[in-house]
Amino acid sequence: MENPMNKENSTRMDLANRLFFRLYQCANMLHKTGTKAVEEEGLTTQQWAVLGALSRPNAEAGMGVGDLARYLLVSRQNLSGLISRMERDGHIAIAPDGRDRRARLVTMTESGRHVWNVLARPKIRSYYERALSDFSIGDMAHSLHYLLKLLENMKKLDGEAESSSLDNYPAAQRGAI
């Protein structure tokens, strides 16, 4: 006789595999189709995310590079090349932070605001409408709820990975608290 728990675990793992694979596919399609939506403005989905982050009212004065990386959930290294290209293209400016001269503050330029508000946002709205055409408001709310729940669990895993990597170093080397 088969153990019902084994069957339940097998079904759970099969569903988890399918869920994460579909999430992977969605991320790839977002990058591909989202970039197509804004490519006439010379943007990629990563640049779209940076401009979106900087366009928020609480980021009007700019964001530190580290804060921007944390907000976007990317490494500082990945963000560094991206913001260098965006600075070259005139969308953002990078300057020393007046509060901490070692830190760099990223702000959206007037050109970046024009690209974001006038050129890109209408195309992004259209992209959202097309990508979510079969979704009700309830569908979107439920999807957001479950994605946020998944994101929180993944952040916990990320925190565990960071703390376990610190466990490999003596307390004196890791700046014991």
N, C-alpha and C. Protein backbone atom coordinates (compact mmCIF):
# COMPACT_ATOMS: atom_id res chain seq x y z
N MET A 1 0.84 -1.17 0.00
CA MET A 1 0.00 0.00 0.00
C MET A 1 0.89 1.24 0.00
N GLU A 2 0.55 2.18 -0.89
CA GLU A 2 1.34 3.41 -1.02
C GLU A 2 1.03 4.37 0.12
N ASN A 3 2.08 4.96 0.63
CA ASN A 3 1.94 5.95 1.70
C ASN A 3 1.33 7.23 1.11
N PRO A 4 0.18 7.70 1.61
CA PRO A 4 -0.45 8.91 1.07
C PRO A 4 0.44 10.15 1.19
N MET A 5 1.29 10.17 2.21
CA MET A 5 2.20 11.32 2.37
C MET A 5 3.20 11.40 1.23
N ASN A 6 3.67 10.22 0.75
CA ASN A 6 4.61 10.22 -0.37
C ASN A 6 3.96 10.79 -1.62
N LYS A 7 2.69 10.39 -1.85
CA LYS A 7 1.97 10.88 -3.02
C LYS A 7 1.74 12.39 -2.90
N GLU A 8 1.39 12.87 -1.71
CA GLU A 8 1.17 14.30 -1.49
C GLU A 8 2.47 15.08 -1.72
N ASN A 9 3.59 14.56 -1.19
CA ASN A 9 4.88 15.23 -1.38
C ASN A 9 5.28 15.25 -2.84
N SER A 10 5.01 14.15 -3.53
CA SER A 10 5.34 14.07 -4.96
C SER A 10 4.50 15.08 -5.75
N THR A 11 3.22 15.18 -5.44
CA THR A 11 2.34 16.14 -6.11
C THR A 11 2.79 17.56 -5.81
N ARG A 12 3.13 17.82 -4.55
CA ARG A 12 3.59 19.16 -4.15
C ARG A 12 4.86 19.54 -4.90
N MET A 13 5.81 18.62 -5.01
CA MET A 13 7.07 18.91 -5.71
C MET A 13 6.84 19.09 -7.21
N ASP A 14 5.93 18.31 -7.77
CA ASP A 14 5.62 18.46 -9.20
C ASP A 14 5.01 19.84 -9.45
N LEU A 15 4.07 20.23 -8.60
CA LEU A 15 3.46 21.56 -8.74
C LEU A 15 4.48 22.67 -8.52
N ALA A 16 5.36 22.51 -7.54
CA ALA A 16 6.40 23.51 -7.28
C ALA A 16 7.31 23.65 -8.49
N ASN A 17 7.70 22.54 -9.06
CA ASN A 17 8.56 22.58 -10.25
C ASN A 17 7.87 23.31 -11.40
N ARG A 18 6.62 22.99 -11.62
CA ARG A 18 5.86 23.65 -12.70
C ARG A 18 5.69 25.14 -12.42
N LEU A 19 5.39 25.49 -11.17
CA LEU A 19 5.21 26.89 -10.79
C LEU A 19 6.49 27.68 -11.03
N PHE A 20 7.62 27.18 -10.52
CA PHE A 20 8.87 27.92 -10.67
C PHE A 20 9.32 27.97 -12.13
N PHE A 21 9.06 26.93 -12.90
CA PHE A 21 9.40 26.97 -14.31
C PHE A 21 8.56 28.01 -15.04
N ARG A 22 7.27 28.08 -14.72
CA ARG A 22 6.41 29.10 -15.35
C ARG A 22 6.83 30.50 -14.93
N LEU A 23 7.23 30.66 -13.68
CA LEU A 23 7.73 31.94 -13.21
C LEU A 23 9.00 32.33 -13.98
N TYR A 24 9.88 31.38 -14.19
CA TYR A 24 11.09 31.59 -14.98
C TYR A 24 10.72 32.02 -16.41
N GLN A 25 9.78 31.31 -17.00
CA GLN A 25 9.35 31.65 -18.36
C GLN A 25 8.73 33.06 -18.39
N CYS A 26 7.91 33.39 -17.41
CA CYS A 26 7.29 34.72 -17.36
C CYS A 26 8.36 35.80 -17.24
N ALA A 27 9.37 35.58 -16.41
CA ALA A 27 10.45 36.57 -16.26
C ALA A 27 11.17 36.76 -17.59
N ASN A 28 11.43 35.67 -18.29
CA ASN A 28 12.09 35.79 -19.59
C ASN A 28 11.21 36.50 -20.62
N MET A 29 9.93 36.19 -20.61
CA MET A 29 9.01 36.86 -21.55
C MET A 29 8.82 38.33 -21.19
N LEU A 30 8.81 38.65 -19.90
CA LEU A 30 8.74 40.05 -19.48
C LEU A 30 9.93 40.81 -20.04
N HIS A 31 11.11 40.23 -19.90
CA HIS A 31 12.31 40.88 -20.41
C HIS A 31 12.22 41.06 -21.94
N LYS A 32 11.83 40.01 -22.62
CA LYS A 32 11.77 40.04 -24.09
C LYS A 32 10.68 40.99 -24.60
N THR A 33 9.45 40.79 -24.15
CA THR A 33 8.33 41.58 -24.67
C THR A 33 8.29 42.98 -24.07
N GLY A 34 8.72 43.11 -22.81
CA GLY A 34 8.77 44.43 -22.18
C GLY A 34 9.80 45.32 -22.85
N THR A 35 10.95 44.74 -23.17
CA THR A 35 11.98 45.52 -23.87
C THR A 35 11.48 45.95 -25.24
N LYS A 36 10.76 45.06 -25.93
CA LYS A 36 10.19 45.45 -27.24
C LYS A 36 9.25 46.64 -27.08
N ALA A 37 8.51 46.68 -25.98
CA ALA A 37 7.54 47.75 -25.77
C ALA A 37 8.20 49.12 -25.63
N VAL A 38 9.43 49.16 -25.10
CA VAL A 38 10.09 50.46 -24.86
C VAL A 38 11.40 50.63 -25.63
N GLU A 39 11.67 49.73 -26.57
CA GLU A 39 12.96 49.81 -27.26
C GLU A 39 13.10 51.06 -28.13
N GLU A 40 11.99 51.62 -28.62
CA GLU A 40 12.08 52.85 -29.43
C GLU A 40 12.62 54.00 -28.60
N GLU A 41 12.47 53.93 -27.30
CA GLU A 41 12.98 54.97 -26.41
C GLU A 41 14.41 54.65 -25.97
N GLY A 42 14.97 53.56 -26.49
CA GLY A 42 16.32 53.15 -26.14
C GLY A 42 16.42 52.52 -24.76
N LEU A 43 15.30 51.96 -24.27
CA LEU A 43 15.26 51.38 -22.93
C LEU A 43 15.16 49.86 -22.98
N THR A 44 15.62 49.25 -21.91
CA THR A 44 15.41 47.83 -21.65
C THR A 44 14.50 47.72 -20.42
N THR A 45 14.07 46.52 -20.10
CA THR A 45 13.24 46.37 -18.92
C THR A 45 14.00 46.74 -17.65
N GLN A 46 15.31 46.50 -17.63
CA GLN A 46 16.10 46.88 -16.46
C GLN A 46 16.14 48.39 -16.31
N GLN A 47 16.32 49.11 -17.42
CA GLN A 47 16.33 50.57 -17.37
C GLN A 47 14.94 51.10 -17.01
N TRP A 48 13.92 50.45 -17.52
CA TRP A 48 12.54 50.79 -17.17
C TRP A 48 12.37 50.68 -15.65
N ALA A 49 12.89 49.62 -15.05
CA ALA A 49 12.77 49.44 -13.60
C ALA A 49 13.50 50.54 -12.84
N VAL A 50 14.68 50.93 -13.31
CA VAL A 50 15.44 52.00 -12.64
C VAL A 50 14.68 53.31 -12.73
N LEU A 51 14.20 53.66 -13.92
CA LEU A 51 13.45 54.91 -14.07
C LEU A 51 12.17 54.87 -13.24
N GLY A 52 11.50 53.73 -13.21
CA GLY A 52 10.30 53.58 -12.39
C GLY A 52 10.60 53.79 -10.91
N ALA A 53 11.70 53.21 -10.45
CA ALA A 53 12.08 53.37 -9.04
C ALA A 53 12.39 54.83 -8.73
N LEU A 54 13.10 55.50 -9.63
CA LEU A 54 13.49 56.90 -9.40
C LEU A 54 12.32 57.87 -9.59
N SER A 55 11.26 57.43 -10.24
CA SER A 55 10.11 58.31 -10.49
C SER A 55 9.16 58.39 -9.31
N ARG A 56 9.34 57.53 -8.32
CA ARG A 56 8.46 57.53 -7.15
C ARG A 56 8.66 58.81 -6.36
N PRO A 57 7.58 59.36 -5.78
CA PRO A 57 7.70 60.62 -5.02
C PRO A 57 8.77 60.59 -3.93
N ASN A 58 8.91 59.47 -3.23
CA ASN A 58 9.91 59.43 -2.15
C ASN A 58 11.34 59.26 -2.67
N ALA A 59 11.51 59.14 -3.99
CA ALA A 59 12.85 59.05 -4.59
C ALA A 59 13.17 60.29 -5.42
N GLU A 60 12.34 61.30 -5.31
CA GLU A 60 12.51 62.52 -6.10
C GLU A 60 13.89 63.15 -5.91
N ALA A 61 14.42 63.10 -4.70
CA ALA A 61 15.74 63.67 -4.40
C ALA A 61 16.86 62.70 -4.78
N GLY A 62 16.50 61.53 -5.29
CA GLY A 62 17.48 60.53 -5.68
C GLY A 62 17.55 59.39 -4.70
N MET A 63 18.32 58.39 -5.06
CA MET A 63 18.51 57.21 -4.21
C MET A 63 19.99 56.85 -4.23
N GLY A 64 20.47 56.39 -3.10
CA GLY A 64 21.82 55.86 -3.06
C GLY A 64 21.89 54.61 -3.92
N VAL A 65 23.06 54.32 -4.46
CA VAL A 65 23.23 53.14 -5.31
C VAL A 65 22.85 51.88 -4.54
N GLY A 66 23.27 51.77 -3.29
CA GLY A 66 22.93 50.59 -2.48
C GLY A 66 21.44 50.48 -2.24
N ASP A 67 20.80 51.61 -1.95
CA ASP A 67 19.34 51.60 -1.73
C ASP A 67 18.61 51.19 -3.01
N LEU A 68 19.08 51.69 -4.14
CA LEU A 68 18.45 51.34 -5.42
C LEU A 68 18.63 49.85 -5.71
N ALA A 69 19.81 49.33 -5.45
CA ALA A 69 20.06 47.89 -5.65
C ALA A 69 19.16 47.05 -4.76
N ARG A 70 19.02 47.45 -3.50
CA ARG A 70 18.15 46.71 -2.58
C ARG A 70 16.69 46.79 -3.02
N TYR A 71 16.26 47.97 -3.46
CA TYR A 71 14.87 48.14 -3.90
C TYR A 71 14.57 47.25 -5.11
N LEU A 72 15.50 47.20 -6.05
CA LEU A 72 15.31 46.41 -7.27
C LEU A 72 15.67 44.93 -7.09
N LEU A 73 16.25 44.60 -5.93
CA LEU A 73 16.68 43.22 -5.64
C LEU A 73 17.73 42.74 -6.64
N VAL A 74 18.69 43.60 -6.93
CA VAL A 74 19.81 43.23 -7.81
C VAL A 74 21.11 43.52 -7.06
N SER A 75 22.19 42.94 -7.54
CA SER A 75 23.47 43.20 -6.91
C SER A 75 23.98 44.58 -7.32
N ARG A 76 24.81 45.16 -6.48
CA ARG A 76 25.42 46.45 -6.81
C ARG A 76 26.25 46.33 -8.09
N GLN A 77 26.89 45.18 -8.28
CA GLN A 77 27.70 44.96 -9.48
C GLN A 77 26.84 45.00 -10.74
N ASN A 78 25.69 44.32 -10.71
CA ASN A 78 24.80 44.33 -11.88
C ASN A 78 24.25 45.73 -12.12
N LEU A 79 23.94 46.43 -11.05
CA LEU A 79 23.38 47.77 -11.17
C LEU A 79 24.41 48.76 -11.67
N SER A 80 25.66 48.56 -11.31
CA SER A 80 26.72 49.50 -11.66
C SER A 80 26.83 49.71 -13.18
N GLY A 81 26.90 48.64 -13.93
CA GLY A 81 27.00 48.75 -15.39
C GLY A 81 25.75 49.38 -15.98
N LEU A 82 24.61 49.03 -15.46
CA LEU A 82 23.34 49.55 -15.93
C LEU A 82 23.25 51.06 -15.73
N ILE A 83 23.59 51.53 -14.53
CA ILE A 83 23.48 52.97 -14.29
C ILE A 83 24.57 53.74 -15.05
N SER A 84 25.70 53.11 -15.30
CA SER A 84 26.73 53.78 -16.13
C SER A 84 26.20 54.03 -17.53
N ARG A 85 25.54 53.02 -18.12
CA ARG A 85 24.96 53.19 -19.46
C ARG A 85 23.85 54.23 -19.45
N MET A 86 23.03 54.22 -18.40
CA MET A 86 21.94 55.19 -18.32
C MET A 86 22.47 56.61 -18.12
N GLU A 87 23.56 56.74 -17.41
CA GLU A 87 24.19 58.05 -17.24
C GLU A 87 24.76 58.52 -18.59
N ARG A 88 25.41 57.63 -19.30
CA ARG A 88 25.94 57.94 -20.63
C ARG A 88 24.83 58.41 -21.57
N ASP A 89 23.65 57.76 -21.46
CA ASP A 89 22.52 58.11 -22.33
C ASP A 89 21.77 59.35 -21.85
N GLY A 90 22.16 59.89 -20.70
CA GLY A 90 21.57 61.12 -20.20
C GLY A 90 20.27 60.95 -19.42
N HIS A 91 19.92 59.72 -19.07
CA HIS A 91 18.67 59.48 -18.34
C HIS A 91 18.79 59.72 -16.84
N ILE A 92 19.99 59.50 -16.32
CA ILE A 92 20.21 59.67 -14.89
C ILE A 92 21.52 60.42 -14.67
N ALA A 93 21.66 60.95 -13.47
CA ALA A 93 22.91 61.59 -13.05
C ALA A 93 23.37 60.90 -11.78
N ILE A 94 24.67 60.79 -11.63
CA ILE A 94 25.26 60.19 -10.44
C ILE A 94 26.19 61.22 -9.83
N ALA A 95 25.98 61.48 -8.55
CA ALA A 95 26.79 62.49 -7.85
C ALA A 95 27.05 62.01 -6.43
N PRO A 96 28.09 62.56 -5.79
CA PRO A 96 28.30 62.21 -4.39
C PRO A 96 27.09 62.62 -3.56
N ASP A 97 26.75 61.79 -2.59
CA ASP A 97 25.64 62.08 -1.69
C ASP A 97 26.11 63.14 -0.69
N GLY A 98 25.36 64.23 -0.58
CA GLY A 98 25.73 65.31 0.32
C GLY A 98 25.81 64.90 1.77
N ARG A 99 25.10 63.85 2.15
CA ARG A 99 25.11 63.37 3.54
C ARG A 99 26.28 62.44 3.82
N ASP A 100 26.75 61.75 2.77
CA ASP A 100 27.85 60.80 2.92
C ASP A 100 28.66 60.84 1.64
N ARG A 101 29.80 61.52 1.66
CA ARG A 101 30.59 61.74 0.45
C ARG A 101 31.08 60.44 -0.18
N ARG A 102 31.12 59.36 0.59
CA ARG A 102 31.56 58.08 0.00
C ARG A 102 30.45 57.45 -0.83
N ALA A 103 29.21 57.78 -0.51
CA ALA A 103 28.06 57.20 -1.21
C ALA A 103 27.76 58.01 -2.47
N ARG A 104 27.16 57.34 -3.45
CA ARG A 104 26.77 58.01 -4.68
C ARG A 104 25.24 58.04 -4.77
N LEU A 105 24.71 59.18 -5.18
CA LEU A 105 23.28 59.40 -5.29
C LEU A 105 22.88 59.37 -6.77
N VAL A 106 21.86 58.59 -7.08
CA VAL A 106 21.37 58.46 -8.45
C VAL A 106 20.07 59.26 -8.56
N THR A 107 20.01 60.18 -9.51
CA THR A 107 18.80 60.98 -9.74
C THR A 107 18.43 60.91 -11.21
N MET A 108 17.16 61.12 -11.49
CA MET A 108 16.68 61.15 -12.86
C MET A 108 16.90 62.57 -13.40
N THR A 109 17.44 62.66 -14.61
CA THR A 109 17.65 63.96 -15.25
C THR A 109 16.35 64.44 -15.90
N GLU A 110 16.34 65.67 -16.36
CA GLU A 110 15.18 66.18 -17.10
C GLU A 110 14.93 65.32 -18.33
N SER A 111 16.00 64.96 -19.02
CA SER A 111 15.87 64.08 -20.19
C SER A 111 15.27 62.74 -19.79
N GLY A 112 15.73 62.19 -18.67
CA GLY A 112 15.19 60.93 -18.18
C GLY A 112 13.73 61.04 -17.82
N ARG A 113 13.35 62.17 -17.19
CA ARG A 113 11.93 62.39 -16.86
C ARG A 113 11.08 62.46 -18.12
N HIS A 114 11.60 63.12 -19.15
CA HIS A 114 10.86 63.20 -20.41
C HIS A 114 10.70 61.81 -21.02
N VAL A 115 11.79 61.05 -21.07
CA VAL A 115 11.72 59.70 -21.64
C VAL A 115 10.73 58.87 -20.84
N TRP A 116 10.78 58.98 -19.51
CA TRP A 116 9.91 58.18 -18.66
C TRP A 116 8.45 58.60 -18.77
N ASN A 117 8.18 59.89 -18.51
CA ASN A 117 6.79 60.36 -18.43
C ASN A 117 6.10 60.49 -19.78
N VAL A 118 6.81 60.98 -20.77
CA VAL A 118 6.17 61.28 -22.05
C VAL A 118 6.26 60.12 -23.03
N LEU A 119 7.42 59.48 -23.11
CA LEU A 119 7.63 58.46 -24.14
C LEU A 119 7.34 57.03 -23.65
N ALA A 120 7.90 56.67 -22.51
CA ALA A 120 7.82 55.27 -22.08
C ALA A 120 6.52 54.90 -21.38
N ARG A 121 6.06 55.73 -20.45
CA ARG A 121 4.89 55.34 -19.64
C ARG A 121 3.65 55.02 -20.46
N PRO A 122 3.32 55.77 -21.51
CA PRO A 122 2.15 55.37 -22.30
C PRO A 122 2.33 53.99 -22.95
N LYS A 123 3.55 53.68 -23.36
CA LYS A 123 3.80 52.36 -23.96
C LYS A 123 3.77 51.27 -22.90
N ILE A 124 4.24 51.59 -21.71
CA ILE A 124 4.20 50.62 -20.62
C ILE A 124 2.75 50.34 -20.23
N ARG A 125 1.93 51.39 -20.16
CA ARG A 125 0.50 51.20 -19.85
C ARG A 125 -0.16 50.28 -20.88
N SER A 126 0.15 50.53 -22.14
CA SER A 126 -0.40 49.70 -23.22
C SER A 126 0.09 48.26 -23.08
N TYR A 127 1.35 48.10 -22.75
CA TYR A 127 1.92 46.77 -22.55
C TYR A 127 1.19 46.04 -21.41
N TYR A 128 0.99 46.74 -20.30
CA TYR A 128 0.26 46.15 -19.17
C TYR A 128 -1.14 45.72 -19.59
N GLU A 129 -1.83 46.60 -20.30
CA GLU A 129 -3.21 46.29 -20.74
C GLU A 129 -3.23 45.03 -21.60
N ARG A 130 -2.29 44.93 -22.51
CA ARG A 130 -2.25 43.77 -23.41
C ARG A 130 -1.85 42.50 -22.67
N ALA A 131 -0.84 42.60 -21.81
CA ALA A 131 -0.36 41.41 -21.08
C ALA A 131 -1.40 40.91 -20.07
N LEU A 132 -2.20 41.83 -19.52
CA LEU A 132 -3.18 41.47 -18.51
C LEU A 132 -4.62 41.50 -19.05
N SER A 133 -4.76 41.39 -20.36
CA SER A 133 -6.08 41.56 -20.98
C SER A 133 -7.14 40.59 -20.46
N ASP A 134 -6.78 39.40 -20.07
CA ASP A 134 -7.75 38.42 -19.59
C ASP A 134 -7.89 38.42 -18.07
N PHE A 135 -7.23 39.35 -17.40
CA PHE A 135 -7.23 39.39 -15.94
C PHE A 135 -8.28 40.37 -15.43
N SER A 136 -9.07 39.92 -14.48
CA SER A 136 -9.97 40.84 -13.78
C SER A 136 -9.15 41.56 -12.70
N ILE A 137 -9.76 42.57 -12.08
CA ILE A 137 -9.08 43.23 -10.97
C ILE A 137 -8.81 42.22 -9.86
N GLY A 138 -9.77 41.34 -9.62
CA GLY A 138 -9.57 40.29 -8.61
C GLY A 138 -8.42 39.37 -8.97
N ASP A 139 -8.32 38.98 -10.25
CA ASP A 139 -7.21 38.14 -10.68
C ASP A 139 -5.87 38.82 -10.41
N MET A 140 -5.81 40.12 -10.72
CA MET A 140 -4.56 40.86 -10.51
C MET A 140 -4.25 40.96 -9.02
N ALA A 141 -5.27 41.23 -8.20
CA ALA A 141 -5.05 41.34 -6.75
C ALA A 141 -4.57 40.01 -6.18
N HIS A 142 -5.20 38.90 -6.60
CA HIS A 142 -4.78 37.58 -6.11
C HIS A 142 -3.35 37.26 -6.58
N SER A 143 -3.06 37.53 -7.83
CA SER A 143 -1.71 37.27 -8.35
C SER A 143 -0.68 38.06 -7.56
N LEU A 144 -0.96 39.32 -7.33
CA LEU A 144 -0.04 40.16 -6.56
C LEU A 144 0.15 39.61 -5.15
N HIS A 145 -0.93 39.21 -4.53
CA HIS A 145 -0.86 38.64 -3.18
C HIS A 145 0.09 37.44 -3.15
N TYR A 146 -0.09 36.51 -4.08
CA TYR A 146 0.73 35.30 -4.07
C TYR A 146 2.17 35.58 -4.48
N LEU A 147 2.37 36.51 -5.38
CA LEU A 147 3.75 36.87 -5.75
C LEU A 147 4.47 37.53 -4.58
N LEU A 148 3.78 38.39 -3.85
CA LEU A 148 4.39 39.02 -2.68
C LEU A 148 4.71 37.98 -1.60
N LYS A 149 3.80 37.03 -1.42
CA LYS A 149 4.02 35.96 -0.45
C LYS A 149 5.26 35.14 -0.84
N LEU A 150 5.37 34.80 -2.11
CA LEU A 150 6.53 34.06 -2.61
C LEU A 150 7.80 34.88 -2.46
N LEU A 151 7.72 36.16 -2.79
CA LEU A 151 8.88 37.04 -2.68
C LEU A 151 9.37 37.12 -1.24
N GLU A 152 8.46 37.25 -0.29
CA GLU A 152 8.85 37.30 1.12
C GLU A 152 9.56 36.02 1.55
N ASN A 153 9.04 34.87 1.12
CA ASN A 153 9.70 33.60 1.45
C ASN A 153 11.08 33.51 0.82
N MET A 154 11.21 34.00 -0.41
CA MET A 154 12.50 33.97 -1.08
C MET A 154 13.49 34.93 -0.41
N LYS A 155 13.00 36.07 0.07
CA LYS A 155 13.87 36.99 0.81
C LYS A 155 14.38 36.34 2.08
N LYS A 156 13.51 35.57 2.74
CA LYS A 156 13.94 34.85 3.94
C LYS A 156 15.05 33.87 3.58
N LEU A 157 14.88 33.15 2.48
CA LEU A 157 15.91 32.22 2.03
C LEU A 157 17.21 32.96 1.74
N ASP A 158 17.11 34.12 1.12
CA ASP A 158 18.28 34.92 0.80
C ASP A 158 18.98 35.35 2.08
N GLY A 159 18.22 35.75 3.08
CA GLY A 159 18.79 36.13 4.37
C GLY A 159 19.48 34.96 5.05
N GLU A 160 18.90 33.77 4.92
CA GLU A 160 19.51 32.58 5.49
C GLU A 160 20.83 32.28 4.79
N ALA A 161 20.86 32.46 3.47
CA ALA A 161 22.09 32.20 2.71
C ALA A 161 23.18 33.18 3.12
N GLU A 162 22.80 34.45 3.32
CA GLU A 162 23.78 35.45 3.74
C GLU A 162 24.31 35.13 5.12
N SER A 163 23.42 34.79 6.05
CA SER A 163 23.88 34.52 7.41
C SER A 163 24.67 33.23 7.47
N SER A 164 24.32 32.23 6.67
CA SER A 164 25.09 30.98 6.71
C SER A 164 26.45 31.16 6.07
N SER A 165 26.59 32.07 5.10
CA SER A 165 27.91 32.31 4.51
C SER A 165 28.80 33.02 5.53
N LEU A 166 28.20 33.80 6.42
CA LEU A 166 28.97 34.45 7.47
C LEU A 166 29.46 33.44 8.51
N ASP A 167 28.73 32.33 8.64
CA ASP A 167 29.10 31.33 9.63
C ASP A 167 30.45 30.68 9.30
N ASN A 168 30.91 30.85 8.07
CA ASN A 168 32.19 30.27 7.66
C ASN A 168 33.38 31.09 8.15
N TYR A 169 33.15 32.25 8.73
CA TYR A 169 34.22 33.12 9.18
C TYR A 169 34.17 33.26 10.69
N PRO A 170 35.36 33.35 11.32
CA PRO A 170 35.37 33.59 12.78
C PRO A 170 34.70 34.92 13.10
N ALA A 171 34.15 35.04 14.30
CA ALA A 171 33.41 36.24 14.71
C ALA A 171 34.23 37.50 14.51
N ALA A 172 35.51 37.46 14.78
CA ALA A 172 36.37 38.66 14.64
C ALA A 172 36.41 39.14 13.19
N GLN A 173 36.37 38.19 12.23
CA GLN A 173 36.44 38.57 10.82
C GLN A 173 35.11 39.06 10.28
N ARG A 174 34.00 38.64 10.87
CA ARG A 174 32.70 39.04 10.33
C ARG A 174 32.11 40.22 11.08
N GLY A 175 32.89 40.84 11.93
CA GLY A 175 32.40 42.01 12.65
C GLY A 175 31.29 41.65 13.61
N ALA A 176 31.57 40.75 14.54
CA ALA A 176 30.54 40.27 15.48
C ALA A 176 29.79 41.43 16.12
N ILE A 177 28.51 41.24 16.23
CA ILE A 177 27.64 42.29 16.78
C ILE A 177 27.41 42.05 18.24
